[in-house]
């Protein structure tokens, strides 16, 4: 595979194309705004409709639709890298030789990694459940303490009132 500097440059410029296409969207919006303002100033909707029927509007609108579809379908530079390079790597003879020799080891490694991942996820879930339970217990204790303080305050108030009444 031979990659030239020009191909790399174009590859990196793929991300700029939707911005360039945005110019046509802007031109279309300006064109519509101008005819709308003309119609508003003359208080005649016919001017706006004539502007929409003009050849210039049809060309701008068609280009905007084409560029909108193109910007949606064009890959970014990262996507293009995957599209271009990944098949070359996967289909290379070297990769096939390596994987044919080490395929069994990779399968065992993936199986082990899956089990470890499952074990770690269980630990995380259990820790999360314990933490939530602790938080609930602490919040219950706080509520109890607040009620106790409120009740003590009421008792103190009532005892003062009792003393006032008795005196």
Protein backbone atom coordinates (compact mmCIF):
# COMPACT_ATOMS: atom_id res chain seq x y z
CA UNK A 1 0.00 0.00 0.00
CA UNK A 2 1.43 3.33 -1.07
CA UNK A 3 -0.05 6.49 0.47
CA UNK A 4 1.02 9.84 -0.98
CA UNK A 5 1.09 13.19 0.80
CA UNK A 6 -1.74 14.39 -1.43
CA UNK A 7 -4.00 11.53 -0.34
CA UNK A 8 -3.23 12.27 3.33
CA UNK A 9 -4.04 15.95 2.79
CA UNK A 10 -7.38 15.18 1.14
CA UNK A 11 -8.11 12.63 3.83
CA UNK A 12 -7.65 15.23 6.56
CA UNK A 13 -9.72 17.80 4.65
CA UNK A 14 -12.81 15.56 4.65
CA UNK A 15 -13.87 17.15 7.94
CA UNK A 16 -13.94 20.62 6.31
CA UNK A 17 -16.35 19.76 3.50
CA UNK A 18 -19.59 20.14 5.50
CA UNK A 19 -18.45 23.66 6.46
CA UNK A 20 -17.96 24.52 2.79
CA UNK A 21 -21.40 23.12 2.02
CA UNK A 22 -22.77 25.39 4.72
CA UNK A 23 -22.00 28.35 2.45
CA UNK A 24 -24.77 27.23 0.13
CA UNK A 25 -27.19 26.95 3.04
CA UNK A 26 -26.23 30.49 4.04
CA UNK A 27 -26.69 31.81 0.50
CA UNK A 28 -30.10 30.18 0.32
CA UNK A 29 -31.14 31.72 3.65
CA UNK A 30 -29.90 35.17 2.59
CA UNK A 31 -31.74 34.90 -0.72
CA UNK A 32 -34.99 33.96 1.04
CA UNK A 33 -34.52 36.73 3.62
CA UNK A 34 -33.96 39.38 0.93
CA UNK A 35 -37.13 38.49 -0.94
CA UNK A 36 -39.06 38.23 2.32
CA UNK A 37 -37.90 41.73 3.31
CA UNK A 38 -38.79 43.08 -0.15
CA UNK A 39 -42.25 41.59 0.22
CA UNK A 40 -42.63 42.95 3.76
CA UNK A 41 -41.54 46.46 2.76
CA UNK A 42 -43.84 46.55 -0.29
CA UNK A 43 -46.57 44.74 1.65
CA UNK A 44 -46.98 42.44 -1.34
CA UNK A 45 -46.62 38.69 -0.90
CA UNK A 46 -46.34 38.28 -4.66
CA UNK A 47 -42.76 39.62 -4.57
CA UNK A 48 -41.78 36.85 -2.15
CA UNK A 49 -43.48 34.17 -4.25
CA UNK A 50 -41.79 35.49 -7.42
CA UNK A 51 -38.43 35.23 -5.63
CA UNK A 52 -39.17 31.62 -4.74
CA UNK A 53 -40.12 30.84 -8.34
CA UNK A 54 -36.94 32.36 -9.79
CA UNK A 55 -34.21 30.31 -11.45
CA UNK A 56 -31.60 31.47 -8.90
CA UNK A 57 -33.67 30.15 -6.00
CA UNK A 58 -34.19 26.82 -7.74
CA UNK A 59 -30.43 26.45 -8.33
CA UNK A 60 -29.55 27.44 -4.74
CA UNK A 61 -32.21 25.16 -3.30
CA UNK A 62 -31.11 22.21 -5.45
CA UNK A 63 -27.45 22.73 -4.49
CA UNK A 64 -28.38 23.03 -0.82
CA UNK A 65 -30.29 19.72 -0.94
CA UNK A 66 -27.45 17.99 -2.82
CA UNK A 67 -24.82 19.31 -0.40
CA UNK A 68 -26.97 18.42 2.60
CA UNK A 69 -27.19 14.82 1.40
CA UNK A 70 -23.48 14.80 0.53
CA UNK A 71 -22.46 16.16 3.94
CA UNK A 72 -24.58 13.46 5.57
CA UNK A 73 -23.06 10.70 3.45
CA UNK A 74 -19.43 11.88 3.46
CA UNK A 75 -17.37 10.20 6.16
CA UNK A 76 -15.20 12.14 8.58
CA UNK A 77 -11.45 11.64 8.41
CA UNK A 78 -11.61 9.11 11.26
CA UNK A 79 -14.39 7.16 9.59
CA UNK A 80 -12.52 7.24 6.28
CA UNK A 81 -9.41 5.92 8.02
CA UNK A 82 -11.38 2.94 9.26
CA UNK A 83 -13.06 2.43 5.90
CA UNK A 84 -9.78 2.56 4.01
CA UNK A 85 -7.24 0.95 6.33
CA UNK A 86 -9.18 -1.59 8.38
CA UNK A 87 -9.99 -3.93 5.44
CA UNK A 88 -6.34 -3.79 4.33
CA UNK A 89 -5.17 -4.79 7.80
CA UNK A 90 -7.79 -7.48 8.32
CA UNK A 91 -7.26 -9.02 4.87
CA UNK A 92 -3.45 -9.02 5.03
CA UNK A 93 -1.62 -12.36 4.97
CA UNK A 94 0.41 -11.49 8.04
CA UNK A 95 -2.67 -10.99 10.18
CA UNK A 96 -4.18 -14.26 8.97
CA UNK A 97 -0.98 -16.13 9.82
CA UNK A 98 -0.80 -14.61 13.29
CA UNK A 99 -4.43 -15.32 14.08
CA UNK A 100 -4.34 -18.85 12.75
CA UNK A 101 -1.45 -19.61 15.15
CA UNK A 102 -2.74 -17.70 18.13
CA UNK A 103 -6.49 -17.95 17.56
CA UNK A 104 -6.95 -20.50 20.30
CA UNK A 105 -4.98 -18.40 22.79
CA UNK A 106 -7.02 -15.34 21.94
CA UNK A 107 -10.24 -17.29 22.42
CA UNK A 108 -9.11 -18.42 25.87
CA UNK A 109 -7.95 -14.92 26.71
CA UNK A 110 -11.31 -13.44 25.68
CA UNK A 111 -13.17 -16.06 27.71
CA UNK A 112 -11.05 -15.26 30.78
CA UNK A 113 -11.49 -11.53 30.26
CA UNK A 114 -15.26 -12.01 30.00
CA UNK A 115 -15.36 -13.92 33.28
CA UNK A 116 -13.21 -11.30 35.02
CA UNK A 117 -15.39 -8.52 33.68
CA UNK A 118 -18.52 -10.28 34.90
CA UNK A 119 -16.95 -10.78 38.33
CA UNK A 120 -15.94 -7.10 38.57
CA UNK A 121 -19.41 -5.97 37.51
CA UNK A 122 -20.98 -8.11 40.24
CA UNK A 123 -18.62 -6.54 42.80
CA UNK A 124 -19.49 -3.04 41.62
CA UNK A 125 -23.23 -3.75 41.78
CA UNK A 126 -22.91 -5.25 45.28
CA UNK A 127 -20.87 -2.27 46.49
CA UNK A 128 -23.44 0.08 45.00
CA UNK A 129 -26.29 -1.74 46.79
CA UNK A 130 -24.39 -1.64 50.11
CA UNK A 131 -23.69 2.07 49.68
CA UNK A 132 -27.35 2.82 48.99
CA UNK A 133 -28.39 0.82 52.05
CA UNK A 134 -25.90 2.71 54.23
CA UNK A 135 -27.17 6.02 52.84
CA UNK A 136 -30.76 5.05 53.65
CA UNK A 137 -29.81 4.05 57.21
CA UNK A 138 -27.89 7.29 57.73
CA UNK A 139 -30.79 9.37 56.43
CA UNK A 140 -33.17 7.50 58.77
CA UNK A 141 -30.84 8.26 61.70
CA UNK A 142 -30.74 11.92 60.72
CA UNK A 143 -34.54 12.06 60.57
CA UNK A 144 -34.77 10.40 63.99
CA UNK A 145 -32.28 12.88 65.46
CA UNK A 146 -34.19 15.81 63.98
CA UNK A 147 -37.46 14.48 65.45
CA UNK A 148 -35.73 14.01 68.81
CA UNK A 149 -34.47 17.62 68.75
CA UNK A 150 -37.92 18.86 67.78
CA UNK A 151 -39.53 16.85 70.59
CA UNK A 152 -36.96 18.09 73.10
CA UNK A 153 -37.65 21.63 71.99
CA UNK A 154 -41.38 21.11 72.44
CA UNK A 155 -40.83 19.61 75.90
CA UNK A 156 -38.63 22.54 76.88
CA UNK A 157 -41.25 25.00 75.64
CA UNK A 158 -44.05 23.19 77.46
CA UNK A 159 -42.06 23.04 80.71
CA UNK A 160 -41.45 26.81 80.50
CA UNK A 161 -45.15 27.41 79.90
CA UNK A 162 -46.01 25.17 82.86
CA UNK A 163 -43.65 27.13 85.11
CA UNK A 164 -45.15 30.41 83.91
CA UNK A 165 -48.65 29.17 84.60
CA UNK A 166 -47.73 27.84 88.05
CA UNK A 167 -45.90 30.99 89.06
